[in-house]
Amino acid sequence: MTRYVYLGGEAALEDSRIVGLFDLDNTSWSWRTREFLSRAERDGRVMNAAEDLPRSFVLCVDKNVILTQPTTATLARRLEYQERT
């Protein structure tokens, strides 16, 4: 069964494509994360689904990155809800 998680704006993603949910405030202090995000942006693998400043990002199995407005806690609750239903 295919399940989708709403990421904000007009973006939804199949839950099986999600590798991880990352909080931008907690992860962007690391130079490795900043370098990864910079490289992804240079390679055209970043999609901005945030209507305002992004709070988190979703890493997909194809190494694409989706910037999102909802926090990682909100996205995790949406994933949990999808698993229960």
N, C-alpha and C. Protein backbone atom coordinates (compact mmCIF):
# COMPACT_ATOMS: atom_id res chain seq x y z
N MET A 1 0.84 -1.18 0.00
CA MET A 1 0.00 0.00 0.00
C MET A 1 0.88 1.25 0.00
N THR A 2 0.61 2.15 -0.90
CA THR A 2 1.36 3.39 -1.00
C THR A 2 0.77 4.43 -0.06
N ARG A 3 1.64 5.01 0.78
CA ARG A 3 1.21 6.06 1.71
C ARG A 3 2.05 7.30 1.46
N TYR A 4 1.40 8.44 1.55
CA TYR A 4 2.07 9.71 1.32
C TYR A 4 2.05 10.55 2.59
N VAL A 5 3.11 11.33 2.76
CA VAL A 5 3.23 12.22 3.91
C VAL A 5 3.22 13.66 3.37
N TYR A 6 2.35 14.48 3.94
CA TYR A 6 2.25 15.88 3.54
C TYR A 6 3.42 16.64 4.13
N LEU A 7 4.19 17.33 3.27
CA LEU A 7 5.37 18.06 3.71
C LEU A 7 5.16 19.56 3.82
N GLY A 8 4.03 20.05 3.34
CA GLY A 8 3.77 21.48 3.36
C GLY A 8 3.65 22.01 1.95
N GLY A 9 3.03 23.16 1.81
CA GLY A 9 2.83 23.74 0.49
C GLY A 9 2.05 22.78 -0.38
N GLU A 10 2.59 22.48 -1.53
CA GLU A 10 1.96 21.52 -2.43
C GLU A 10 2.74 20.22 -2.49
N ALA A 11 3.57 19.96 -1.49
CA ALA A 11 4.46 18.80 -1.52
C ALA A 11 3.98 17.66 -0.64
N ALA A 12 3.98 16.49 -1.21
CA ALA A 12 3.73 15.24 -0.48
C ALA A 12 4.74 14.24 -1.01
N LEU A 13 5.12 13.30 -0.18
CA LEU A 13 6.15 12.34 -0.55
C LEU A 13 5.75 10.95 -0.09
N GLU A 14 6.00 9.98 -0.92
CA GLU A 14 5.74 8.59 -0.56
C GLU A 14 6.64 8.23 0.63
N ASP A 15 6.06 7.68 1.68
CA ASP A 15 6.81 7.43 2.91
C ASP A 15 8.00 6.49 2.71
N SER A 16 7.93 5.59 1.75
CA SER A 16 9.03 4.65 1.52
C SER A 16 10.25 5.32 0.90
N ARG A 17 10.10 6.55 0.41
CA ARG A 17 11.23 7.28 -0.19
C ARG A 17 12.01 8.09 0.85
N ILE A 18 11.52 8.15 2.09
CA ILE A 18 12.16 8.97 3.12
C ILE A 18 13.28 8.18 3.80
N VAL A 19 14.47 8.77 3.79
CA VAL A 19 15.61 8.21 4.51
C VAL A 19 15.67 8.80 5.92
N GLY A 20 15.45 10.11 6.03
CA GLY A 20 15.53 10.74 7.34
C GLY A 20 14.92 12.12 7.36
N LEU A 21 14.58 12.55 8.56
CA LEU A 21 14.05 13.88 8.83
C LEU A 21 15.07 14.60 9.70
N PHE A 22 15.45 15.82 9.31
CA PHE A 22 16.51 16.52 10.01
C PHE A 22 16.09 17.95 10.34
N ASP A 23 16.34 18.36 11.56
CA ASP A 23 16.06 19.71 12.02
C ASP A 23 17.19 20.63 11.56
N LEU A 24 16.86 21.69 10.84
CA LEU A 24 17.89 22.58 10.31
C LEU A 24 18.66 23.31 11.41
N ASP A 25 18.00 23.70 12.50
CA ASP A 25 18.70 24.39 13.58
C ASP A 25 19.74 23.50 14.24
N ASN A 26 19.42 22.24 14.43
CA ASN A 26 20.34 21.33 15.12
C ASN A 26 21.41 20.74 14.21
N THR A 27 21.15 20.63 12.92
CA THR A 27 22.12 19.99 12.05
C THR A 27 22.98 20.96 11.25
N SER A 28 22.52 22.17 11.04
CA SER A 28 23.25 23.09 10.17
C SER A 28 24.51 23.66 10.82
N TRP A 29 24.72 23.44 12.10
CA TRP A 29 25.96 23.90 12.72
C TRP A 29 27.15 23.05 12.27
N SER A 30 26.89 21.84 11.81
CA SER A 30 27.96 20.94 11.36
C SER A 30 28.42 21.33 9.96
N TRP A 31 29.72 21.45 9.77
CA TRP A 31 30.24 21.80 8.45
C TRP A 31 29.92 20.71 7.44
N ARG A 32 29.82 19.46 7.88
CA ARG A 32 29.50 18.36 6.96
C ARG A 32 28.07 18.50 6.42
N THR A 33 27.15 18.86 7.30
CA THR A 33 25.77 19.06 6.85
C THR A 33 25.68 20.25 5.92
N ARG A 34 26.35 21.34 6.27
CA ARG A 34 26.34 22.52 5.40
C ARG A 34 26.93 22.19 4.04
N GLU A 35 28.01 21.43 4.02
CA GLU A 35 28.64 21.03 2.76
C GLU A 35 27.71 20.13 1.95
N PHE A 36 27.06 19.18 2.62
CA PHE A 36 26.12 18.29 1.94
C PHE A 36 24.98 19.09 1.30
N LEU A 37 24.40 20.01 2.06
CA LEU A 37 23.29 20.81 1.55
C LEU A 37 23.75 21.74 0.42
N SER A 38 24.93 22.31 0.55
CA SER A 38 25.47 23.17 -0.51
C SER A 38 25.69 22.38 -1.79
N ARG A 39 26.26 21.19 -1.67
CA ARG A 39 26.50 20.34 -2.84
C ARG A 39 25.17 19.93 -3.47
N ALA A 40 24.19 19.56 -2.64
CA ALA A 40 22.88 19.17 -3.17
C ALA A 40 22.24 20.34 -3.92
N GLU A 41 22.39 21.54 -3.39
CA GLU A 41 21.82 22.71 -4.06
C GLU A 41 22.53 22.97 -5.38
N ARG A 42 23.86 22.88 -5.38
CA ARG A 42 24.62 23.07 -6.62
C ARG A 42 24.22 22.05 -7.68
N ASP A 43 23.94 20.82 -7.24
CA ASP A 43 23.58 19.73 -8.17
C ASP A 43 22.10 19.76 -8.56
N GLY A 44 21.34 20.71 -8.03
CA GLY A 44 19.93 20.82 -8.37
C GLY A 44 19.05 19.76 -7.72
N ARG A 45 19.48 19.27 -6.55
CA ARG A 45 18.73 18.22 -5.87
C ARG A 45 17.95 18.74 -4.66
N VAL A 46 17.79 20.06 -4.54
CA VAL A 46 17.06 20.65 -3.42
C VAL A 46 15.75 21.23 -3.91
N MET A 47 14.67 20.85 -3.24
CA MET A 47 13.36 21.41 -3.53
C MET A 47 12.88 22.13 -2.28
N ASN A 48 12.42 23.35 -2.44
CA ASN A 48 11.94 24.11 -1.30
C ASN A 48 10.41 24.02 -1.24
N ALA A 49 9.90 23.29 -0.26
CA ALA A 49 8.45 23.16 -0.07
C ALA A 49 7.97 24.07 1.06
N ALA A 50 8.87 24.88 1.61
CA ALA A 50 8.52 25.77 2.72
C ALA A 50 7.94 27.06 2.17
N GLU A 51 6.87 27.51 2.78
CA GLU A 51 6.26 28.77 2.38
C GLU A 51 6.97 29.96 3.03
N ASP A 52 7.70 29.69 4.09
CA ASP A 52 8.47 30.69 4.82
C ASP A 52 9.85 30.10 5.05
N LEU A 53 10.51 30.49 6.11
CA LEU A 53 11.82 29.90 6.43
C LEU A 53 11.67 28.41 6.73
N PRO A 54 12.48 27.56 6.11
CA PRO A 54 12.38 26.13 6.39
C PRO A 54 12.90 25.81 7.79
N ARG A 55 12.25 24.86 8.43
CA ARG A 55 12.66 24.42 9.77
C ARG A 55 13.35 23.07 9.74
N SER A 56 13.08 22.31 8.68
CA SER A 56 13.67 20.97 8.61
C SER A 56 13.89 20.59 7.15
N PHE A 57 14.59 19.48 6.97
CA PHE A 57 14.72 18.95 5.62
C PHE A 57 14.54 17.45 5.65
N VAL A 58 14.07 16.95 4.53
CA VAL A 58 13.82 15.52 4.35
C VAL A 58 14.84 15.02 3.34
N LEU A 59 15.56 13.96 3.71
CA LEU A 59 16.49 13.32 2.80
C LEU A 59 15.79 12.13 2.18
N CYS A 60 15.82 12.07 0.85
CA CYS A 60 15.13 11.00 0.12
C CYS A 60 16.14 9.93 -0.33
N VAL A 61 15.64 8.77 -0.68
CA VAL A 61 16.51 7.66 -1.09
C VAL A 61 17.33 8.00 -2.33
N ASP A 62 16.84 8.89 -3.18
CA ASP A 62 17.59 9.28 -4.38
C ASP A 62 18.54 10.46 -4.10
N LYS A 63 18.78 10.74 -2.81
CA LYS A 63 19.66 11.81 -2.33
C LYS A 63 19.14 13.20 -2.61
N ASN A 64 17.88 13.32 -2.99
CA ASN A 64 17.25 14.64 -3.10
C ASN A 64 16.92 15.13 -1.70
N VAL A 65 16.85 16.44 -1.58
CA VAL A 65 16.58 17.09 -0.30
C VAL A 65 15.35 17.97 -0.48
N ILE A 66 14.41 17.86 0.46
CA ILE A 66 13.22 18.71 0.43
C ILE A 66 13.21 19.56 1.69
N LEU A 67 13.27 20.88 1.52
CA LEU A 67 13.19 21.80 2.65
C LEU A 67 11.73 21.98 3.01
N THR A 68 11.41 21.89 4.30
CA THR A 68 10.02 21.94 4.73
C THR A 68 9.82 22.94 5.86
N GLN A 69 8.59 23.44 5.95
CA GLN A 69 8.20 24.34 7.03
C GLN A 69 7.91 23.58 8.33
N PRO A 70 7.20 22.44 8.28
CA PRO A 70 6.90 21.73 9.53
C PRO A 70 8.18 21.24 10.21
N THR A 71 8.13 21.17 11.53
CA THR A 71 9.27 20.67 12.29
C THR A 71 9.39 19.16 12.10
N THR A 72 10.53 18.63 12.49
CA THR A 72 10.73 17.18 12.40
C THR A 72 9.73 16.43 13.28
N ALA A 73 9.36 17.01 14.41
CA ALA A 73 8.38 16.37 15.30
C ALA A 73 7.03 16.26 14.60
N THR A 74 6.62 17.30 13.92
CA THR A 74 5.35 17.27 13.19
C THR A 74 5.39 16.23 12.07
N LEU A 75 6.48 16.21 11.33
CA LEU A 75 6.61 15.24 10.25
C LEU A 75 6.63 13.81 10.79
N ALA A 76 7.30 13.61 11.92
CA ALA A 76 7.34 12.27 12.53
C ALA A 76 5.95 11.84 12.97
N ARG A 77 5.16 12.76 13.54
CA ARG A 77 3.78 12.43 13.91
C ARG A 77 2.95 12.06 12.69
N ARG A 78 3.15 12.77 11.60
CA ARG A 78 2.42 12.43 10.37
C ARG A 78 2.80 11.04 9.87
N LEU A 79 4.07 10.69 9.97
CA LEU A 79 4.51 9.35 9.58
C LEU A 79 3.90 8.28 10.49
N GLU A 80 3.91 8.55 11.79
CA GLU A 80 3.30 7.61 12.75
C GLU A 80 1.83 7.41 12.45
N TYR A 81 1.13 8.48 12.16
CA TYR A 81 -0.28 8.40 11.86
C TYR A 81 -0.51 7.54 10.60
N GLN A 82 0.35 7.74 9.61
CA GLN A 82 0.24 6.95 8.39
C GLN A 82 0.41 5.45 8.68
N GLU A 83 1.35 5.12 9.56
CA GLU A 83 1.59 3.71 9.91
C GLU A 83 0.41 3.10 10.65
N ARG A 84 -0.27 3.89 11.47
CA ARG A 84 -1.39 3.36 12.26
C ARG A 84 -2.66 3.18 11.44
N THR A 85 -2.81 3.97 10.37
CA THR A 85 -4.04 3.89 9.59
C THR A 85 -3.92 2.96 8.42
